[in-house]
Protein backbone atom coordinates (compact mmCIF):
# COMPACT_ATOMS: atom_id res chain seq x y z
CA MET A 1 0.00 0.00 0.00
CA ASN A 2 1.27 3.48 -0.90
CA ARG A 3 0.39 6.90 0.47
CA PHE A 4 0.12 10.39 -1.04
CA THR A 5 -0.16 13.29 1.42
CA LEU A 6 -0.55 17.03 0.79
CA PRO A 7 -1.67 20.02 2.87
CA ARG A 8 -5.44 20.19 3.25
CA ASP A 9 -5.45 23.59 1.52
CA ILE A 10 -3.00 25.33 -0.80
CA TYR A 11 -3.74 28.98 -1.52
CA PHE A 12 -1.78 30.50 -4.41
CA GLY A 13 -1.62 33.63 -6.53
CA LYS A 14 -1.45 37.29 -5.63
CA ASP A 15 -3.13 38.35 -2.36
CA SER A 16 -3.42 34.73 -1.16
CA LEU A 17 -1.84 35.92 2.11
CA GLU A 18 -5.24 37.36 3.00
CA THR A 19 -6.41 33.80 3.70
CA LEU A 20 -5.03 34.32 7.22
CA LYS A 21 -8.05 36.51 7.98
CA THR A 22 -10.29 33.44 7.82
CA LEU A 23 -8.50 31.27 10.40
CA LYS A 24 -10.43 30.31 13.52
CA GLY A 25 -8.51 30.33 16.81
CA LYS A 26 -7.47 32.23 19.92
CA LYS A 27 -3.67 32.47 19.69
CA ALA A 28 -1.13 32.38 16.86
CA ILE A 29 2.65 32.42 17.01
CA VAL A 30 4.51 33.66 13.93
CA VAL A 31 7.96 32.17 13.33
CA THR A 32 10.29 33.90 10.89
CA GLY A 33 13.97 34.39 10.09
CA GLY A 34 16.02 37.55 9.81
CA SER A 35 14.71 41.00 9.04
CA SER A 36 13.64 40.65 5.39
CA MET A 37 9.99 39.76 6.03
CA ARG A 38 9.69 42.70 8.41
CA LYS A 39 11.66 44.98 6.08
CA PHE A 40 9.34 44.33 3.13
CA GLY A 41 6.18 44.62 5.24
CA PHE A 42 5.03 41.01 4.98
CA LEU A 43 5.45 40.22 8.66
CA ASP A 44 3.27 43.19 9.61
CA LYS A 45 0.66 42.01 7.10
CA VAL A 46 0.63 38.53 8.62
CA ILE A 47 0.21 39.91 12.12
CA ALA A 48 -2.56 42.30 11.00
CA TYR A 49 -4.48 39.55 9.19
CA LEU A 50 -4.26 37.21 12.19
CA GLU A 51 -5.42 39.96 14.53
CA GLU A 52 -8.27 40.67 12.13
CA ALA A 53 -9.19 37.00 12.58
CA GLY A 54 -9.51 37.73 16.30
CA MET A 55 -6.32 36.12 17.52
CA GLU A 56 -3.68 37.18 20.01
CA VAL A 57 -0.38 37.12 18.13
CA LYS A 58 3.20 36.57 19.29
CA THR A 59 6.25 36.69 17.04
CA LEU A 60 9.35 34.52 17.22
CA GLU A 61 11.97 36.14 15.00
CA GLY A 62 15.61 35.54 14.20
CA VAL A 63 15.71 31.90 13.11
CA GLU A 64 19.15 31.48 11.54
CA PRO A 65 19.97 29.87 8.18
CA ASP A 66 20.38 26.12 8.72
CA PRO A 67 18.52 26.23 12.07
CA SER A 68 20.11 24.48 15.02
CA VAL A 69 18.77 21.99 17.52
CA GLU A 70 19.13 24.69 20.18
CA THR A 71 16.99 27.16 18.20
CA VAL A 72 14.31 24.50 17.87
CA MET A 73 14.27 23.67 21.57
CA ASN A 74 14.24 27.34 22.61
CA GLY A 75 11.39 28.06 20.22
CA ALA A 76 9.38 25.11 21.52
CA LYS A 77 9.78 26.48 25.05
CA VAL A 78 8.39 29.86 23.94
CA MET A 79 5.45 28.06 22.33
CA ARG A 80 4.71 26.09 25.50
CA GLU A 81 4.66 29.33 27.51
CA PHE A 82 2.37 31.09 24.99
CA GLY A 83 0.07 28.20 24.09
CA PRO A 84 -0.84 28.91 20.43
CA ASP A 85 -3.47 26.95 18.52
CA TRP A 86 -1.93 28.11 15.21
CA ILE A 87 1.76 28.06 14.29
CA VAL A 88 2.37 30.34 11.31
CA SER A 89 5.79 30.46 9.71
CA ILE A 90 6.82 32.89 6.97
CA GLY A 91 10.20 33.03 5.27
CA GLY A 92 12.63 30.70 3.56
CA GLY A 93 13.08 27.03 4.24
CA SER A 94 15.00 27.62 7.47
CA PRO A 95 12.30 29.32 9.60
CA ILE A 96 9.58 27.01 8.27
CA ASP A 97 11.71 23.92 8.95
CA ALA A 98 12.54 25.23 12.42
CA ALA A 99 8.88 25.94 13.17
CA LYS A 100 7.94 22.41 12.10
CA ALA A 101 10.47 20.96 14.51
CA MET A 102 9.40 23.34 17.28
CA TRP A 103 5.85 22.06 16.76
CA ILE A 104 6.97 18.55 17.73
CA PHE A 105 8.47 19.62 21.05
CA TYR A 106 5.68 22.10 21.78
CA GLU A 107 3.16 19.28 21.69
CA TYR A 108 5.47 16.62 23.21
CA PRO A 109 7.91 18.29 25.66
CA GLU A 110 9.40 14.96 26.77
CA PHE A 111 10.12 13.79 23.24
CA THR A 112 13.82 13.85 22.28
CA PHE A 113 15.65 15.01 19.18
CA GLU A 114 17.28 11.58 18.97
CA LYS A 115 13.81 10.06 18.56
CA ALA A 116 12.69 12.79 16.15
CA VAL A 117 15.41 11.95 13.60
CA VAL A 118 14.04 8.41 13.17
CA PRO A 119 12.14 8.57 9.84
CA PHE A 120 8.36 8.42 10.17
CA GLY A 121 8.50 7.85 13.91
CA LEU A 122 6.84 11.00 15.30
CA PRO A 123 3.85 10.93 17.62
CA GLU A 124 0.55 12.29 16.31
CA LEU A 125 0.67 16.07 15.98
CA ARG A 126 -2.23 18.60 16.00
CA GLN A 127 -3.02 17.90 19.63
CA LYS A 128 -2.47 21.59 20.45
CA ALA A 129 -1.95 23.48 17.17
CA LYS A 130 -2.30 23.48 13.41
CA PHE A 131 0.38 24.75 11.04
CA VAL A 132 0.46 27.37 8.27
CA ALA A 133 3.53 27.71 6.04
CA ILE A 134 4.19 30.78 3.86
CA PRO A 135 7.34 30.49 1.71
CA SER A 136 9.33 33.57 0.70
CA THR A 137 11.75 31.61 -1.51
CA SER A 138 11.08 29.42 -4.53
CA GLY A 139 12.95 26.25 -3.78
CA THR A 140 12.60 24.25 -0.59
CA ALA A 141 8.82 23.69 -0.91
CA THR A 142 8.76 22.91 2.79
CA GLU A 143 5.28 24.45 2.83
CA VAL A 144 3.91 21.24 1.26
CA THR A 145 6.36 18.59 2.45
CA ALA A 146 6.71 16.08 5.24
CA PHE A 147 10.30 17.16 5.95
CA SER A 148 12.32 19.52 8.14
CA VAL A 149 16.10 19.87 8.04
CA ILE A 150 17.78 20.74 11.35
CA THR A 151 21.53 21.10 11.98
CA ASP A 152 23.43 19.59 14.89
CA TYR A 153 26.41 21.95 14.95
CA LYS A 154 28.18 20.05 17.74
CA ASN A 155 28.53 17.03 15.47
CA GLN A 156 28.60 19.05 12.22
CA ILE A 157 25.70 17.18 10.65
CA LYS A 158 22.32 18.04 9.15
CA TYR A 159 19.37 15.83 10.00
CA PRO A 160 16.31 15.65 7.74
CA LEU A 161 13.29 14.97 9.96
CA ALA A 162 10.76 13.00 7.94
CA ASP A 163 7.16 12.28 8.89
CA PHE A 164 3.78 12.88 7.23
CA ASN A 165 2.75 14.56 10.52
CA LEU A 166 5.01 17.48 9.53
CA THR A 167 3.04 18.28 6.37
CA PRO A 168 1.48 21.71 7.02
CA ASP A 169 -2.28 22.07 7.24
CA ILE A 170 -2.27 25.16 5.04
CA ALA A 171 0.27 26.39 2.48
CA ILE A 172 0.07 29.97 1.22
CA VAL A 173 2.07 30.38 -2.00
CA ASP A 174 1.90 34.13 -2.63
CA PRO A 175 4.22 35.21 -5.47
CA GLU A 176 4.57 38.80 -4.23
CA ILE A 177 6.65 37.53 -1.31
CA ALA A 178 9.07 35.71 -3.63
CA GLU A 179 9.66 38.87 -5.67
CA THR A 180 11.93 40.11 -2.87
CA MET A 181 14.58 37.40 -3.44
CA PRO A 182 18.05 38.57 -4.52
CA ALA A 183 19.54 36.99 -7.65
CA THR A 184 21.90 34.55 -5.88
CA LEU A 185 19.12 33.21 -3.68
CA THR A 186 16.88 32.91 -6.74
CA ALA A 187 19.58 30.79 -8.41
CA HIS A 188 20.22 28.50 -5.45
CA THR A 189 16.57 27.94 -4.57
CA GLY A 190 15.66 27.41 -8.22
CA MET A 191 18.29 24.70 -8.62
CA ASP A 192 17.10 23.16 -5.35
CA ALA A 193 13.62 22.96 -6.88
CA LEU A 194 14.98 21.39 -10.08
CA THR A 195 16.86 18.81 -8.01
CA HIS A 196 13.69 18.03 -6.05
CA ALA A 197 11.75 17.42 -9.24
CA ILE A 198 14.39 15.31 -11.00
CA GLU A 199 15.14 13.22 -7.91
CA ALA A 200 11.41 12.68 -7.30
CA TYR A 201 10.96 11.46 -10.87
CA VAL A 202 13.54 8.69 -10.42
CA ALA A 203 13.17 7.95 -6.67
CA SER A 204 12.21 4.47 -5.55
CA ASN A 205 8.89 5.64 -4.07
CA ARG A 206 7.74 7.45 -7.23
CA SER A 207 4.20 6.78 -8.41
CA VAL A 208 1.61 7.72 -11.02
CA PHE A 209 0.55 10.48 -8.61
CA SER A 210 4.01 12.03 -8.17
CA ASP A 211 5.33 11.66 -11.74
CA PRO A 212 3.11 14.31 -13.40
CA LEU A 213 3.89 16.84 -10.65
CA ALA A 214 7.63 16.23 -10.97
CA MET A 215 7.66 16.43 -14.77
CA GLN A 216 5.53 19.58 -14.91
CA ALA A 217 7.82 21.22 -12.35
CA ILE A 218 10.90 20.34 -14.45
CA VAL A 219 9.33 21.87 -17.56
CA MET A 220 8.30 25.05 -15.75
CA ILE A 221 11.71 25.46 -14.12
CA LYS A 222 13.57 25.06 -17.42
CA GLU A 223 11.30 27.67 -19.01
CA ASN A 224 11.40 30.20 -16.19
CA LEU A 225 14.48 29.91 -13.97
CA LEU A 226 16.87 32.09 -15.96
CA LYS A 227 14.18 34.72 -16.53
CA SER A 228 13.38 34.64 -12.82
CA PHE A 229 17.10 35.01 -12.07
CA SER A 230 17.15 38.17 -14.20
CA GLY A 231 14.22 39.62 -12.23
CA ASP A 232 11.21 38.90 -14.47
CA LYS A 233 8.13 39.05 -12.19
CA ALA A 234 5.96 36.75 -14.27
CA ALA A 235 8.73 34.15 -14.26
CA ARG A 236 9.09 34.57 -10.48
CA GLU A 237 5.42 33.61 -10.08
CA GLU A 238 5.86 30.58 -12.34
CA MET A 239 8.91 29.49 -10.35
CA HIS A 240 7.05 29.91 -7.06
CA ASN A 241 4.36 27.56 -8.34
CA ALA A 242 6.84 25.16 -9.94
CA GLN A 243 8.83 24.69 -6.74
CA CYS A 244 5.56 23.89 -4.95
CA LEU A 245 4.72 21.22 -7.52
CA ALA A 246 8.21 19.77 -7.07
CA GLY A 247 7.64 19.73 -3.31
CA MET A 248 4.37 17.87 -3.63
CA ALA A 249 6.16 15.30 -5.80
CA PHE A 250 9.20 14.70 -3.61
CA SER A 251 7.34 14.76 -0.31
CA ASN A 252 5.66 11.57 -1.50
CA ALA A 253 8.14 10.05 -3.97
CA LEU A 254 11.09 10.97 -1.70
CA LEU A 255 14.56 12.03 -2.87
CA GLY A 256 18.03 10.61 -3.48
CA ILE A 257 21.72 10.96 -2.84
CA THR A 258 22.07 14.48 -4.27
CA HIS A 259 20.27 15.59 -1.15
CA SER A 260 22.06 13.11 1.10
CA MET A 261 25.37 14.60 0.00
CA ALA A 262 24.15 18.19 0.28
CA HIS A 263 22.86 17.56 3.81
CA LYS A 264 26.13 16.06 4.97
CA THR A 265 28.45 18.62 3.37
CA GLY A 266 26.44 21.73 4.21
CA ALA A 267 27.50 21.80 7.84
CA VAL A 268 31.11 20.78 7.08
CA PHE A 269 31.97 22.93 4.04
CA HIS A 270 29.29 25.62 4.64
CA ILE A 271 27.86 25.33 1.14
CA PRO A 272 24.32 26.73 0.79
CA HIS A 273 21.94 23.82 0.32
CA GLY A 274 20.63 24.77 -3.12
CA CYS A 275 24.13 25.54 -4.39
CA ALA A 276 25.36 22.11 -3.23
CA ASN A 277 22.46 20.39 -4.98
CA ALA A 278 23.20 22.32 -8.17
CA ILE A 279 26.86 21.25 -8.14
CA TYR A 280 26.17 17.60 -7.28
CA LEU A 281 23.17 16.89 -9.52
CA PRO A 282 24.94 16.20 -12.88
CA TYR A 283 27.37 13.80 -11.22
CA VAL A 284 24.58 11.95 -9.42
CA ILE A 285 22.62 11.61 -12.67
CA ASP A 286 25.67 9.95 -14.26
CA PHE A 287 26.00 7.61 -11.26
CA ASN A 288 22.29 6.71 -11.17
CA LYS A 289 21.79 6.22 -14.91
CA LYS A 290 22.76 2.54 -14.70
CA ALA A 291 19.63 2.00 -12.60
CA CYS A 292 17.15 4.41 -14.18
CA GLY A 293 18.60 5.71 -17.44
CA GLU A 294 15.25 5.50 -19.19
CA ARG A 295 13.72 7.88 -16.64
CA TYR A 296 16.40 10.53 -17.19
CA ALA A 297 16.08 10.05 -20.96
CA ALA A 298 12.31 10.60 -20.65
CA ILE A 299 12.97 13.93 -18.92
CA ALA A 300 15.35 14.99 -21.68
CA LYS A 301 12.85 14.02 -24.39
CA ASN A 302 10.06 15.91 -22.66
CA LEU A 303 12.26 19.00 -22.52
CA GLY A 304 13.08 18.70 -26.22
CA LEU A 305 16.79 18.14 -25.59
CA ALA A 306 19.01 16.65 -28.30
CA GLY A 307 19.92 12.98 -28.44
CA ASN A 308 19.35 9.86 -30.57
CA SER A 309 20.22 7.37 -27.84
CA GLN A 310 19.62 7.05 -24.13
CA ASP A 311 23.20 8.04 -23.31
CA GLU A 312 23.05 11.07 -25.60
CA LEU A 313 19.78 12.23 -24.03
CA ILE A 314 21.21 11.86 -20.53
CA ASP A 315 24.33 13.79 -21.54
CA SER A 316 22.05 16.55 -22.85
CA LEU A 317 20.26 16.61 -19.49
CA THR A 318 23.47 16.91 -17.49
CA ASP A 319 24.74 19.55 -19.93
CA MET A 320 21.53 21.53 -19.38
CA VAL A 321 22.07 21.47 -15.62
CA LYS A 322 25.68 22.58 -16.02
CA GLN A 323 24.67 25.37 -18.39
CA LEU A 324 22.07 26.64 -15.92
CA ASN A 325 24.74 26.63 -13.21
CA LYS A 326 27.18 28.52 -15.42
CA ALA A 327 24.59 31.12 -16.41
CA MET A 328 23.82 31.79 -12.72
CA ASN A 329 27.43 31.82 -11.48
CA ILE A 330 27.22 28.49 -9.67
CA PRO A 331 30.51 26.49 -9.64
CA GLN A 332 30.81 23.24 -11.58
CA ASP A 333 32.73 21.34 -8.90
CA LEU A 334 33.87 21.60 -5.28
CA LYS A 335 37.35 22.76 -6.19
CA GLU A 336 35.89 25.66 -8.15
CA TYR A 337 33.63 26.42 -5.18
CA GLY A 338 36.76 26.97 -3.12
CA ILE A 339 37.18 23.76 -1.12
CA THR A 340 40.89 23.04 -0.74
CA GLU A 341 42.37 19.61 -1.38
CA GLU A 342 43.55 19.49 2.23
CA ASP A 343 40.07 20.25 3.57
CA PHE A 344 38.44 17.79 1.19
CA ASN A 345 40.82 14.95 2.05
CA ALA A 346 40.42 15.61 5.76
CA ASN A 347 36.63 15.24 5.56
CA VAL A 348 35.77 12.94 2.65
CA ASP A 349 35.67 9.73 4.71
CA ARG A 350 33.34 11.28 7.29
CA ILE A 351 30.96 12.95 4.84
CA SER A 352 30.80 9.78 2.73
CA ALA A 353 29.86 7.63 5.72
CA ASN A 354 27.33 10.21 6.94
CA ALA A 355 25.75 10.57 3.49
CA ILE A 356 25.14 6.83 3.35
CA GLU A 357 23.21 7.09 6.63
CA ASP A 358 21.11 10.05 5.45
CA ALA A 359 17.36 9.49 5.24
CA CYS A 360 17.34 10.33 1.50
CA THR A 361 19.78 7.57 0.53
CA GLY A 362 17.26 4.78 0.98
CA SER A 363 15.06 6.09 -1.85
CA ASN A 364 17.89 6.64 -4.33
CA PRO A 365 17.29 4.51 -7.44
CA ARG A 366 20.75 2.92 -7.31
CA ALA A 367 22.29 1.40 -4.18
CA ILE A 368 25.60 2.92 -3.13
CA SER A 369 28.41 1.84 -0.79
CA VAL A 370 30.62 4.06 1.32
CA GLU A 371 33.52 3.48 -1.07
CA GLU A 372 31.37 4.40 -4.07
CA MET A 373 30.16 7.50 -2.25
CA LYS A 374 33.76 8.48 -1.65
CA LYS A 375 34.55 8.00 -5.36
CA LEU A 376 31.52 10.08 -6.27
CA PHE A 377 32.58 12.90 -3.94
CA THR A 378 36.06 12.76 -5.45
CA CYS A 379 34.65 13.21 -8.97
CA ILE A 380 32.61 16.16 -7.73
CA PHE A 381 35.72 17.68 -6.17
CA THR A 382 37.85 17.37 -9.30
CA GLY A 383 35.15 17.78 -11.94
CA GLU A 384 35.85 14.36 -13.45
CA LYS A 385 32.92 12.64 -15.21
CA VAL A 386 31.39 9.73 -13.27
CA ASN A 387 31.80 6.45 -15.18
CA PHE A 388 31.36 3.73 -12.55
């Protein structure tokens, strides 16, 4: 038996933020990141709409990029003291992911982070609060997914929490919020979305329900990412919707080792998540093609890429990814990113072993050993084509 889970409601298009006026409840806590949502007036709008709905509102600001276990536990404590029946998070993937994790420990104070990292092992949520997610970036799609990525800085490792309980009740995908993204963030989040869609299309848990969402997202991203990067507002809206489609696909189909590797190198080499995915994706496609070459070829055909054979079509797909990276100033390999040989050699064994243990590795279409993971990382460091 398979399962396909989405938020109960997804509101999209301009002015969809006004949906907050219709919520029923007594108290809402708003979780956000740095100052951008306040700077552009969206945080004030959220607060005003919730107050218009008759709720007492508290804000929890300052969630850092790659939120820590400590941030999560401190936020959960604030929630327990305030007692909200709605948790509303606005911002990029970091504050929404943090708010999801806070939700767990708000409702279950005795639960531990060690238990939370066990995939699909959370207790039943919504005992105290429901969850609204409002993304400001067009990439993570955490507003529609069953995932939250939290960083344990003491052990230099990112943990993806995975459980259908974490899927928000309401997602508000308002394109006006995404128009505030700077170009670099647009590039990184856009390539994150492309990676989500491609990995979902080949993941072991893919289905007839997830495939159309993944493929449509890939098409929309190819058509709109570079225009969005250059600041085109219509393309920004298309990308905001496309990343949401990709999220709906991968939340159910799951992901693969591109994400496993990005999770385990982000805290060590301090590479932004979307940038890491962008660098790793072509190499992972070449590794995985022995197991699912026909799926990658189908993507290339659907995009109208050149190729008379499966291998030629796959090469066209990896070339497309590399060309997108080049056009948006994303490095082609880890050496170009700035990782030194000394730093790489000092960490490759650890990140390879950790990537194997990542929750996303189990749904990768091709099995991989620690030694193969190390070889794959080495190719990504040097820029050498994967041929094993």
